[in-house]
Structures are given as C-alpha cells and as structure tokens.
Amino acid sequence: SSPLGVYDFQKRSSLIQVSAQGAQH
C-alpha cells in the first residue's frame, strides 16, 4: 500500500478506438 494522495481521488478509464484496418488483425 501507499500513502493517501491525489491518485486516490482520481479514476482511470481505458480508451479504445479501433480502426477498420485494426479490426482485421
């Protein structure tokens, strides 16, 4: 564990934008 900090009040959302070409692979 770590000390309390700003990161304890922020959230991370993953971003995924697949192109038409990327979808093939």
PDB file of all heavy atoms in Angstrom:
ATOM      1  N   SER A   1       0.836  -1.204   0.000  1.00  0.00           N
ATOM      2  CA  SER A   1       0.000   0.000   0.000  1.00  0.00           C
ATOM      3  C   SER A   1       0.865   1.245   0.000  1.00  0.00           C
ATOM      4  O   SER A   1       2.057   1.200   0.296  1.00  0.00           O
ATOM      5  CB  SER A   1      -0.918   0.019   1.228  1.00  0.00           C
ATOM      6  OG  SER A   1      -1.704  -1.142   1.304  1.00  0.00           O
ATOM      7  N   SER A   2       0.219   2.372  -0.295  1.00  0.00           N
ATOM      8  CA  SER A   2       0.913   3.659  -0.388  1.00  0.00           C
ATOM      9  C   SER A   2       0.206   4.703   0.466  1.00  0.00           C
ATOM     10  O   SER A   2      -0.942   4.511   0.876  1.00  0.00           O
ATOM     11  CB  SER A   2       0.941   4.129  -1.844  1.00  0.00           C
ATOM     12  OG  SER A   2       1.516   3.164  -2.686  1.00  0.00           O
ATOM     13  N   PRO A   3       0.862   5.833   0.724  1.00  0.00           N
ATOM     14  CA  PRO A   3       0.184   6.927   1.430  1.00  0.00           C
ATOM     15  C   PRO A   3      -1.023   7.428   0.646  1.00  0.00           C
ATOM     16  O   PRO A   3      -1.086   7.298  -0.583  1.00  0.00           O
ATOM     17  CB  PRO A   3       1.268   8.013   1.515  1.00  0.00           C
ATOM     18  CG  PRO A   3       2.559   7.285   1.349  1.00  0.00           C
ATOM     19  CD  PRO A   3       2.269   6.140   0.432  1.00  0.00           C
ATOM     20  N   LEU A   4      -1.975   8.007   1.350  1.00  0.00           N
ATOM     21  CA  LEU A   4      -3.104   8.652   0.686  1.00  0.00           C
ATOM     22  C   LEU A   4      -2.581   9.777  -0.199  1.00  0.00           C
ATOM     23  O   LEU A   4      -1.622  10.459   0.163  1.00  0.00           O
ATOM     24  CB  LEU A   4      -4.072   9.221   1.731  1.00  0.00           C
ATOM     25  CG  LEU A   4      -5.392   9.779   1.195  1.00  0.00           C
ATOM     26  CD1 LEU A   4      -6.319   8.639   0.791  1.00  0.00           C
ATOM     27  CD2 LEU A   4      -6.062  10.666   2.242  1.00  0.00           C
ATOM     28  N   GLY A   5      -3.194   9.952  -1.356  1.00  0.00           N
ATOM     29  CA  GLY A   5      -2.742  11.005  -2.245  1.00  0.00           C
ATOM     30  C   GLY A   5      -3.800  11.376  -3.253  1.00  0.00           C
ATOM     31  O   GLY A   5      -4.921  10.842  -3.240  1.00  0.00           O
ATOM     32  N   VAL A   6      -3.456  12.262  -4.150  1.00  0.00           N
ATOM     33  CA  VAL A   6      -4.373  12.715  -5.195  1.00  0.00           C
ATOM     34  C   VAL A   6      -4.869  11.538  -6.024  1.00  0.00           C
ATOM     35  O   VAL A   6      -6.037  11.474  -6.416  1.00  0.00           O
ATOM     36  CB  VAL A   6      -3.673  13.759  -6.100  1.00  0.00           C
ATOM     37  CG1 VAL A   6      -4.522  14.084  -7.313  1.00  0.00           C
ATOM     38  CG2 VAL A   6      -3.387  15.027  -5.301  1.00  0.00           C
ATOM     39  N   TYR A   7      -3.975  10.566  -6.263  1.00  0.00           N
ATOM     40  CA  TYR A   7      -4.342   9.408  -7.076  1.00  0.00           C
ATOM     41  C   TYR A   7      -5.464   8.585  -6.463  1.00  0.00           C
ATOM     42  O   TYR A   7      -6.093   7.786  -7.147  1.00  0.00           O
ATOM     43  CB  TYR A   7      -3.117   8.521  -7.311  1.00  0.00           C
ATOM     44  CG  TYR A   7      -2.118   8.518  -6.187  1.00  0.00           C
ATOM     45  CD1 TYR A   7      -2.373   7.881  -4.979  1.00  0.00           C
ATOM     46  CD2 TYR A   7      -0.901   9.192  -6.319  1.00  0.00           C
ATOM     47  CE1 TYR A   7      -1.456   7.896  -3.944  1.00  0.00           C
ATOM     48  CE2 TYR A   7       0.014   9.208  -5.290  1.00  0.00           C
ATOM     49  CZ  TYR A   7      -0.257   8.563  -4.103  1.00  0.00           C
ATOM     50  OH  TYR A   7       0.645   8.577  -3.068  1.00  0.00           O
ATOM     51  N   ASP A   8      -5.713   8.740  -5.151  1.00  0.00           N
ATOM     52  CA  ASP A   8      -6.818   8.020  -4.509  1.00  0.00           C
ATOM     53  C   ASP A   8      -8.168   8.642  -4.826  1.00  0.00           C
ATOM     54  O   ASP A   8      -9.210   8.063  -4.506  1.00  0.00           O
ATOM     55  CB  ASP A   8      -6.619   7.989  -2.996  1.00  0.00           C
ATOM     56  CG  ASP A   8      -5.464   7.086  -2.602  1.00  0.00           C
ATOM     57  OD1 ASP A   8      -5.592   5.867  -2.798  1.00  0.00           O
ATOM     58  OD2 ASP A   8      -4.439   7.594  -2.103  1.00  0.00           O
ATOM     59  N   PHE A   9      -8.173   9.824  -5.420  1.00  0.00           N
ATOM     60  CA  PHE A   9      -9.419  10.512  -5.744  1.00  0.00           C
ATOM     61  C   PHE A   9      -9.604  10.681  -7.255  1.00  0.00           C
ATOM     62  O   PHE A   9     -10.511  11.353  -7.701  1.00  0.00           O
ATOM     63  CB  PHE A   9      -9.458  11.878  -5.046  1.00  0.00           C
ATOM     64  CG  PHE A   9      -9.299  11.784  -3.558  1.00  0.00           C
ATOM     65  CD1 PHE A   9      -8.090  12.064  -2.950  1.00  0.00           C
ATOM     66  CD2 PHE A   9     -10.365  11.387  -2.764  1.00  0.00           C
ATOM     67  CE1 PHE A   9      -7.942  11.968  -1.573  1.00  0.00           C
ATOM     68  CE2 PHE A   9     -10.236  11.277  -1.390  1.00  0.00           C
ATOM     69  CZ  PHE A   9      -9.017  11.570  -0.796  1.00  0.00           C
ATOM     70  N   GLN A  10      -8.708  10.087  -8.022  1.00  0.00           N
ATOM     71  CA  GLN A  10      -8.818  10.084  -9.471  1.00  0.00           C
ATOM     72  C   GLN A  10      -9.048   8.662  -9.968  1.00  0.00           C
ATOM     73  O   GLN A  10      -8.602   7.700  -9.344  1.00  0.00           O
ATOM     74  CB  GLN A  10      -7.546  10.644 -10.125  1.00  0.00           C
ATOM     75  CG  GLN A  10      -7.338  12.128  -9.912  1.00  0.00           C
ATOM     76  CD  GLN A  10      -6.101  12.624 -10.629  1.00  0.00           C
ATOM     77  OE1 GLN A  10      -5.011  12.089 -10.458  1.00  0.00           O
ATOM     78  NE2 GLN A  10      -6.271  13.651 -11.451  1.00  0.00           N
ATOM     79  N   LYS A  11      -9.740   8.534 -11.081  1.00  0.00           N
ATOM     80  CA  LYS A  11     -10.012   7.243 -11.692  1.00  0.00           C
ATOM     81  C   LYS A  11      -9.459   7.229 -13.112  1.00  0.00           C
ATOM     82  O   LYS A  11      -9.349   8.267 -13.752  1.00  0.00           O
ATOM     83  CB  LYS A  11     -11.526   6.968 -11.750  1.00  0.00           C
ATOM     84  CG  LYS A  11     -12.228   7.070 -10.413  1.00  0.00           C
ATOM     85  CD  LYS A  11     -13.727   6.964 -10.577  1.00  0.00           C
ATOM     86  CE  LYS A  11     -14.346   8.223 -11.144  1.00  0.00           C
ATOM     87  NZ  LYS A  11     -14.377   8.313 -12.585  1.00  0.00           N
ATOM     88  N   ARG A  12      -9.141   6.042 -13.580  1.00  0.00           N
ATOM     89  CA  ARG A  12      -8.615   5.875 -14.935  1.00  0.00           C
ATOM     90  C   ARG A  12      -9.599   5.075 -15.771  1.00  0.00           C
ATOM     91  O   ARG A  12     -10.036   3.996 -15.354  1.00  0.00           O
ATOM     92  CB  ARG A  12      -7.261   5.164 -14.905  1.00  0.00           C
ATOM     93  CG  ARG A  12      -6.215   5.899 -14.092  1.00  0.00           C
ATOM     94  CD  ARG A  12      -4.903   5.146 -14.048  1.00  0.00           C
ATOM     95  NE  ARG A  12      -5.044   3.773 -13.540  1.00  0.00           N
ATOM     96  CZ  ARG A  12      -5.089   3.455 -12.261  1.00  0.00           C
ATOM     97  NH1 ARG A  12      -5.010   4.406 -11.341  1.00  0.00           N
ATOM     98  NH2 ARG A  12      -5.197   2.191 -11.877  1.00  0.00           N
ATOM     99  N   SER A  13      -9.952   5.595 -16.918  1.00  0.00           N
ATOM    100  CA  SER A  13     -10.790   4.875 -17.884  1.00  0.00           C
ATOM    101  C   SER A  13      -9.950   4.567 -19.118  1.00  0.00           C
ATOM    102  O   SER A  13      -9.267   5.452 -19.642  1.00  0.00           O
ATOM    103  CB  SER A  13     -12.005   5.714 -18.301  1.00  0.00           C
ATOM    104  OG  SER A  13     -12.823   6.012 -17.183  1.00  0.00           O
ATOM    105  N   SER A  14      -9.991   3.316 -19.552  1.00  0.00           N
ATOM    106  CA  SER A  14      -9.250   2.941 -20.763  1.00  0.00           C
ATOM    107  C   SER A  14      -9.967   3.475 -21.999  1.00  0.00           C
ATOM    108  O   SER A  14     -11.198   3.477 -22.067  1.00  0.00           O
ATOM    109  CB  SER A  14      -9.137   1.419 -20.864  1.00  0.00           C
ATOM    110  OG  SER A  14      -8.472   0.897 -19.735  1.00  0.00           O
ATOM    111  N   LEU A  15      -9.196   3.932 -22.973  1.00  0.00           N
ATOM    112  CA  LEU A  15      -9.734   4.417 -24.249  1.00  0.00           C
ATOM    113  C   LEU A  15      -9.327   3.458 -25.355  1.00  0.00           C
ATOM    114  O   LEU A  15      -8.144   3.139 -25.514  1.00  0.00           O
ATOM    115  CB  LEU A  15      -9.203   5.818 -24.556  1.00  0.00           C
ATOM    116  CG  LEU A  15      -9.500   6.916 -23.528  1.00  0.00           C
ATOM    117  CD1 LEU A  15      -8.881   8.235 -23.968  1.00  0.00           C
ATOM    118  CD2 LEU A  15     -10.992   7.067 -23.328  1.00  0.00           C
ATOM    119  N   ILE A  16     -10.300   2.982 -26.118  1.00  0.00           N
ATOM    120  CA  ILE A  16     -10.031   2.034 -27.200  1.00  0.00           C
ATOM    121  C   ILE A  16     -10.827   2.458 -28.432  1.00  0.00           C
ATOM    122  O   ILE A  16     -12.056   2.419 -28.423  1.00  0.00           O
ATOM    123  CB  ILE A  16     -10.428   0.597 -26.803  1.00  0.00           C
ATOM    124  CG1 ILE A  16      -9.711   0.172 -25.515  1.00  0.00           C
ATOM    125  CG2 ILE A  16     -10.134  -0.384 -27.940  1.00  0.00           C
ATOM    126  CD1 ILE A  16     -10.237  -1.107 -24.908  1.00  0.00           C
ATOM    127  N   GLN A  17     -10.148   2.932 -29.458  1.00  0.00           N
ATOM    128  CA  GLN A  17     -10.785   3.307 -30.715  1.00  0.00           C
ATOM    129  C   GLN A  17     -10.084   2.542 -31.839  1.00  0.00           C
ATOM    130  O   GLN A  17      -9.023   2.941 -32.318  1.00  0.00           O
ATOM    131  CB  GLN A  17     -10.695   4.819 -30.956  1.00  0.00           C
ATOM    132  CG  GLN A  17     -11.412   5.261 -32.219  1.00  0.00           C
ATOM    133  CD  GLN A  17     -11.367   6.772 -32.406  1.00  0.00           C
ATOM    134  OE1 GLN A  17     -10.797   7.499 -31.598  1.00  0.00           O
ATOM    135  NE2 GLN A  17     -11.973   7.243 -33.481  1.00  0.00           N
ATOM    136  N   VAL A  18     -10.693   1.425 -32.241  1.00  0.00           N
ATOM    137  CA  VAL A  18     -10.074   0.546 -33.238  1.00  0.00           C
ATOM    138  C   VAL A  18     -10.466   1.001 -34.638  1.00  0.00           C
ATOM    139  O   VAL A  18     -11.647   1.238 -34.925  1.00  0.00           O
ATOM    140  CB  VAL A  18     -10.506  -0.916 -32.997  1.00  0.00           C
ATOM    141  CG1 VAL A  18      -9.874  -1.841 -34.036  1.00  0.00           C
ATOM    142  CG2 VAL A  18     -10.119  -1.358 -31.588  1.00  0.00           C
ATOM    143  N   SER A  19      -9.496   1.111 -35.480  1.00  0.00           N
ATOM    144  CA  SER A  19      -9.753   1.492 -36.879  1.00  0.00           C
ATOM    145  C   SER A  19     -10.282   0.274 -37.656  1.00  0.00           C
ATOM    146  O   SER A  19     -10.179  -0.872 -37.196  1.00  0.00           O
ATOM    147  CB  SER A  19      -8.473   1.993 -37.535  1.00  0.00           C
ATOM    148  OG  SER A  19      -7.539   0.931 -37.645  1.00  0.00           O
ATOM    149  N   ALA A  20     -10.836   0.522 -38.843  1.00  0.00           N
ATOM    150  CA  ALA A  20     -11.315  -0.577 -39.694  1.00  0.00           C
ATOM    151  C   ALA A  20     -10.175  -1.530 -40.011  1.00  0.00           C
ATOM    152  O   ALA A  20     -10.341  -2.764 -40.017  1.00  0.00           O
ATOM    153  CB  ALA A  20     -11.921  -0.016 -40.971  1.00  0.00           C
ATOM    154  N   GLN A  21      -8.997  -0.983 -40.278  1.00  0.00           N
ATOM    155  CA  GLN A  21      -7.849  -1.830 -40.594  1.00  0.00           C
ATOM    156  C   GLN A  21      -7.410  -2.614 -39.361  1.00  0.00           C
ATOM    157  O   GLN A  21      -7.087  -3.803 -39.442  1.00  0.00           O
ATOM    158  CB  GLN A  21      -6.698  -0.966 -41.112  1.00  0.00           C
ATOM    159  CG  GLN A  21      -5.473  -1.773 -41.521  1.00  0.00           C
ATOM    160  CD  GLN A  21      -4.341  -0.884 -42.021  1.00  0.00           C
ATOM    161  OE1 GLN A  21      -4.521   0.323 -42.204  1.00  0.00           O
ATOM    162  NE2 GLN A  21      -3.174  -1.476 -42.230  1.00  0.00           N
ATOM    163  N   GLY A  22      -7.418  -1.942 -38.197  1.00  0.00           N
ATOM    164  CA  GLY A  22      -7.008  -2.615 -36.962  1.00  0.00           C
ATOM    165  C   GLY A  22      -7.932  -3.764 -36.599  1.00  0.00           C
ATOM    166  O   GLY A  22      -7.501  -4.777 -36.037  1.00  0.00           O
ATOM    167  N   ALA A  23      -9.220  -3.618 -36.932  1.00  0.00           N
ATOM    168  CA  ALA A  23     -10.196  -4.661 -36.598  1.00  0.00           C
ATOM    169  C   ALA A  23      -9.905  -5.968 -37.331  1.00  0.00           C
ATOM    170  O   ALA A  23     -10.265  -7.056 -36.851  1.00  0.00           O
ATOM    171  CB  ALA A  23     -11.602  -4.190 -36.927  1.00  0.00           C
ATOM    172  N   GLN A  24      -9.260  -5.899 -38.491  1.00  0.00           N
ATOM    173  CA  GLN A  24      -8.944  -7.111 -39.250  1.00  0.00           C
ATOM    174  C   GLN A  24      -7.918  -7.964 -38.482  1.00  0.00           C
ATOM    175  O   GLN A  24      -8.058  -9.187 -38.363  1.00  0.00           O
ATOM    176  CB  GLN A  24      -8.393  -6.748 -40.635  1.00  0.00           C
ATOM    177  CG  GLN A  24      -9.209  -5.718 -41.393  1.00  0.00           C
ATOM    178  CD  GLN A  24     -10.688  -6.059 -41.427  1.00  0.00           C
ATOM    179  OE1 GLN A  24     -11.086  -7.126 -41.901  1.00  0.00           O
ATOM    180  NE2 GLN A  24     -11.506  -5.173 -40.900  1.00  0.00           N
ATOM    181  N   HIS A  25      -6.917  -7.305 -37.959  1.00  0.00           N
ATOM    182  CA  HIS A  25      -5.846  -8.003 -37.259  1.00  0.00           C
ATOM    183  C   HIS A  25      -6.278  -8.403 -35.844  1.00  0.00           C
ATOM    184  O   HIS A  25      -6.156  -9.574 -35.446  1.00  0.00           O
ATOM    185  CB  HIS A  25      -4.600  -7.105 -37.220  1.00  0.00           C
ATOM    186  CG  HIS A  25      -3.486  -7.650 -36.388  1.00  0.00           C
ATOM    187  ND1 HIS A  25      -2.862  -8.848 -36.673  1.00  0.00           N
ATOM    188  CD2 HIS A  25      -2.891  -7.158 -35.266  1.00  0.00           C
ATOM    189  CE1 HIS A  25      -1.924  -9.076 -35.762  1.00  0.00           C
ATOM    190  NE2 HIS A  25      -1.922  -8.072 -34.906  1.00  0.00           N
TER     191      HIS A  25
END
